[in-house]
Amino acid sequence: MATPNYGFEKRQKELAKKRKKEDKLKAKSDRKSGLLAEDGSEIEGEEGDADTAAPGAADSSAPAA
């Protein structure tokens, strides 16, 4: 049976913590600059409206040929 690679597990854990910390800092700076509402959702009229639309919505509005 192979022995566990504790060094790899530790590194992955550290990377996850670092990523989470960076995400928190980015979210905090976005809130400060006014890009996001207080509850974390995007303010209407900002970028991302097309991303929230249903994937088939744009296709259904086009006439079928």
N, C-alpha and C. Protein backbone atom coordinates (compact mmCIF):
# COMPACT_ATOMS: atom_id res chain seq x y z
N MET A 1 0.85 -1.18 0.00
CA MET A 1 0.00 0.00 0.00
C MET A 1 0.89 1.25 0.00
N ALA A 2 0.50 2.23 -0.80
CA ALA A 2 1.28 3.47 -0.91
C ALA A 2 1.05 4.34 0.32
N THR A 3 2.08 5.09 0.68
CA THR A 3 1.96 6.00 1.82
C THR A 3 1.37 7.32 1.36
N PRO A 4 0.61 7.97 2.23
CA PRO A 4 0.00 9.26 1.87
C PRO A 4 1.06 10.33 1.63
N ASN A 5 0.81 11.19 0.68
CA ASN A 5 1.71 12.29 0.37
C ASN A 5 1.20 13.53 1.09
N TYR A 6 1.64 13.68 2.34
CA TYR A 6 1.15 14.78 3.16
C TYR A 6 1.61 16.13 2.64
N GLY A 7 2.76 16.18 2.02
CA GLY A 7 3.25 17.44 1.45
C GLY A 7 2.33 17.96 0.37
N PHE A 8 1.86 17.05 -0.49
CA PHE A 8 0.94 17.44 -1.57
C PHE A 8 -0.38 17.94 -0.99
N GLU A 9 -0.91 17.20 -0.02
CA GLU A 9 -2.18 17.61 0.60
C GLU A 9 -2.05 18.98 1.26
N LYS A 10 -0.93 19.21 1.93
CA LYS A 10 -0.71 20.50 2.60
C LYS A 10 -0.65 21.62 1.57
N ARG A 11 0.06 21.39 0.47
CA ARG A 11 0.18 22.41 -0.58
C ARG A 11 -1.18 22.72 -1.19
N GLN A 12 -1.99 21.70 -1.43
CA GLN A 12 -3.31 21.93 -2.00
C GLN A 12 -4.18 22.74 -1.04
N LYS A 13 -4.06 22.43 0.24
CA LYS A 13 -4.83 23.16 1.25
C LYS A 13 -4.40 24.62 1.29
N GLU A 14 -3.07 24.86 1.23
CA GLU A 14 -2.55 26.22 1.24
C GLU A 14 -3.01 26.99 0.01
N LEU A 15 -2.99 26.34 -1.15
CA LEU A 15 -3.44 27.00 -2.38
C LEU A 15 -4.92 27.36 -2.31
N ALA A 16 -5.72 26.47 -1.73
CA ALA A 16 -7.15 26.74 -1.59
C ALA A 16 -7.38 27.94 -0.67
N LYS A 17 -6.63 27.99 0.43
CA LYS A 17 -6.76 29.13 1.35
C LYS A 17 -6.36 30.43 0.67
N LYS A 18 -5.27 30.38 -0.10
CA LYS A 18 -4.79 31.57 -0.79
C LYS A 18 -5.83 32.05 -1.81
N ARG A 19 -6.40 31.10 -2.56
CA ARG A 19 -7.41 31.43 -3.57
C ARG A 19 -8.64 32.05 -2.91
N LYS A 20 -9.07 31.48 -1.79
CA LYS A 20 -10.24 31.99 -1.08
C LYS A 20 -9.98 33.41 -0.56
N LYS A 21 -8.77 33.62 -0.04
CA LYS A 21 -8.41 34.94 0.48
C LYS A 21 -8.41 35.98 -0.64
N GLU A 22 -7.84 35.61 -1.80
CA GLU A 22 -7.81 36.53 -2.94
C GLU A 22 -9.22 36.84 -3.42
N ASP A 23 -10.09 35.83 -3.45
CA ASP A 23 -11.47 36.06 -3.86
C ASP A 23 -12.18 37.02 -2.91
N LYS A 24 -11.92 36.86 -1.61
CA LYS A 24 -12.53 37.75 -0.63
C LYS A 24 -12.04 39.18 -0.81
N LEU A 25 -10.73 39.34 -1.04
CA LEU A 25 -10.18 40.68 -1.24
C LEU A 25 -10.76 41.32 -2.50
N LYS A 26 -10.91 40.53 -3.56
CA LYS A 26 -11.47 41.06 -4.80
C LYS A 26 -12.92 41.48 -4.59
N ALA A 27 -13.69 40.65 -3.89
CA ALA A 27 -15.09 40.98 -3.62
C ALA A 27 -15.18 42.24 -2.77
N LYS A 28 -14.29 42.37 -1.82
CA LYS A 28 -14.28 43.55 -0.96
C LYS A 28 -13.98 44.81 -1.77
N SER A 29 -12.99 44.72 -2.66
CA SER A 29 -12.64 45.88 -3.47
C SER A 29 -13.76 46.22 -4.45
N ASP A 30 -14.46 45.19 -4.96
CA ASP A 30 -15.59 45.43 -5.85
C ASP A 30 -16.72 46.15 -5.11
N ARG A 31 -16.95 45.75 -3.87
CA ARG A 31 -17.99 46.41 -3.07
C ARG A 31 -17.62 47.86 -2.82
N LYS A 32 -16.35 48.10 -2.55
CA LYS A 32 -15.90 49.47 -2.30
C LYS A 32 -16.07 50.33 -3.54
N SER A 33 -15.78 49.77 -4.71
CA SER A 33 -15.87 50.55 -5.94
C SER A 33 -17.31 50.66 -6.44
N GLY A 34 -18.24 49.94 -5.81
CA GLY A 34 -19.65 50.07 -6.16
C GLY A 34 -20.11 49.16 -7.29
N LEU A 35 -19.34 48.15 -7.63
CA LEU A 35 -19.74 47.25 -8.71
C LEU A 35 -20.81 46.27 -8.26
N LEU A 36 -20.80 45.90 -7.00
CA LEU A 36 -21.76 44.93 -6.50
C LEU A 36 -22.65 45.56 -5.44
N ALA A 37 -23.87 45.06 -5.33
CA ALA A 37 -24.77 45.50 -4.28
C ALA A 37 -24.30 44.91 -2.96
N GLU A 38 -24.86 45.37 -1.86
CA GLU A 38 -24.43 44.91 -0.54
C GLU A 38 -24.66 43.41 -0.34
N ASP A 39 -25.70 42.85 -0.95
CA ASP A 39 -25.98 41.43 -0.76
C ASP A 39 -25.15 40.53 -1.65
N GLY A 40 -24.29 41.10 -2.47
CA GLY A 40 -23.40 40.31 -3.31
C GLY A 40 -23.91 40.12 -4.72
N SER A 41 -25.14 40.52 -5.00
CA SER A 41 -25.66 40.38 -6.35
C SER A 41 -25.27 41.61 -7.16
N GLU A 42 -25.18 41.43 -8.48
CA GLU A 42 -24.78 42.55 -9.32
C GLU A 42 -25.88 43.59 -9.41
N ILE A 43 -25.48 44.83 -9.53
CA ILE A 43 -26.43 45.92 -9.69
C ILE A 43 -26.99 45.86 -11.11
N GLU A 44 -28.29 46.09 -11.27
CA GLU A 44 -28.91 46.02 -12.59
C GLU A 44 -28.30 47.05 -13.51
N GLY A 45 -28.17 46.67 -14.80
CA GLY A 45 -27.60 47.57 -15.77
C GLY A 45 -26.11 47.38 -15.94
N GLU A 46 -25.48 46.62 -15.10
CA GLU A 46 -24.06 46.34 -15.20
C GLU A 46 -23.85 45.15 -16.13
N GLU A 47 -22.59 44.84 -16.40
CA GLU A 47 -22.27 43.70 -17.23
C GLU A 47 -22.79 42.42 -16.59
N GLY A 48 -23.04 41.42 -17.43
CA GLY A 48 -23.47 40.14 -16.90
C GLY A 48 -24.94 39.87 -17.14
N ASP A 49 -25.70 40.84 -17.67
CA ASP A 49 -27.10 40.59 -17.94
C ASP A 49 -27.26 39.50 -18.99
N ALA A 50 -26.39 39.46 -19.98
CA ALA A 50 -26.47 38.43 -21.01
C ALA A 50 -26.11 37.07 -20.45
N ASP A 51 -25.25 37.03 -19.44
CA ASP A 51 -24.86 35.76 -18.85
C ASP A 51 -26.00 35.13 -18.07
N THR A 52 -26.88 35.93 -17.49
CA THR A 52 -27.95 35.40 -16.67
C THR A 52 -29.14 34.95 -17.49
N ALA A 53 -29.19 35.32 -18.77
CA ALA A 53 -30.30 34.91 -19.63
C ALA A 53 -30.23 33.41 -19.88
N ALA A 54 -31.39 32.81 -20.12
CA ALA A 54 -31.43 31.39 -20.41
C ALA A 54 -30.69 31.11 -21.72
N PRO A 55 -29.96 30.01 -21.80
CA PRO A 55 -29.17 29.73 -23.00
C PRO A 55 -30.01 29.65 -24.27
N GLY A 56 -31.22 29.16 -24.19
CA GLY A 56 -32.05 29.01 -25.38
C GLY A 56 -32.92 30.22 -25.66
N ALA A 57 -32.88 31.24 -24.82
CA ALA A 57 -33.74 32.40 -24.98
C ALA A 57 -33.44 33.17 -26.26
N ALA A 58 -32.17 33.36 -26.59
CA ALA A 58 -31.80 34.12 -27.77
C ALA A 58 -32.18 33.35 -29.04
N ASP A 59 -32.10 32.04 -29.00
CA ASP A 59 -32.42 31.23 -30.17
C ASP A 59 -33.92 31.19 -30.43
N SER A 60 -34.72 31.25 -29.37
CA SER A 60 -36.17 31.13 -29.55
C SER A 60 -36.77 32.41 -30.14
N SER A 61 -36.10 33.56 -30.00
CA SER A 61 -36.64 34.80 -30.54
C SER A 61 -36.36 34.93 -32.05
N ALA A 62 -35.39 34.19 -32.56
CA ALA A 62 -35.08 34.23 -33.98
C ALA A 62 -36.11 33.42 -34.75
N PRO A 63 -36.53 33.93 -35.91
CA PRO A 63 -37.52 33.17 -36.70
C PRO A 63 -36.91 31.88 -37.24
N ALA A 64 -37.70 30.85 -37.23
CA ALA A 64 -37.23 29.55 -37.72
C ALA A 64 -37.27 29.58 -39.25
N ALA A 65 -36.21 29.12 -39.88
CA ALA A 65 -36.15 29.14 -41.35
C ALA A 65 -36.30 27.75 -41.91
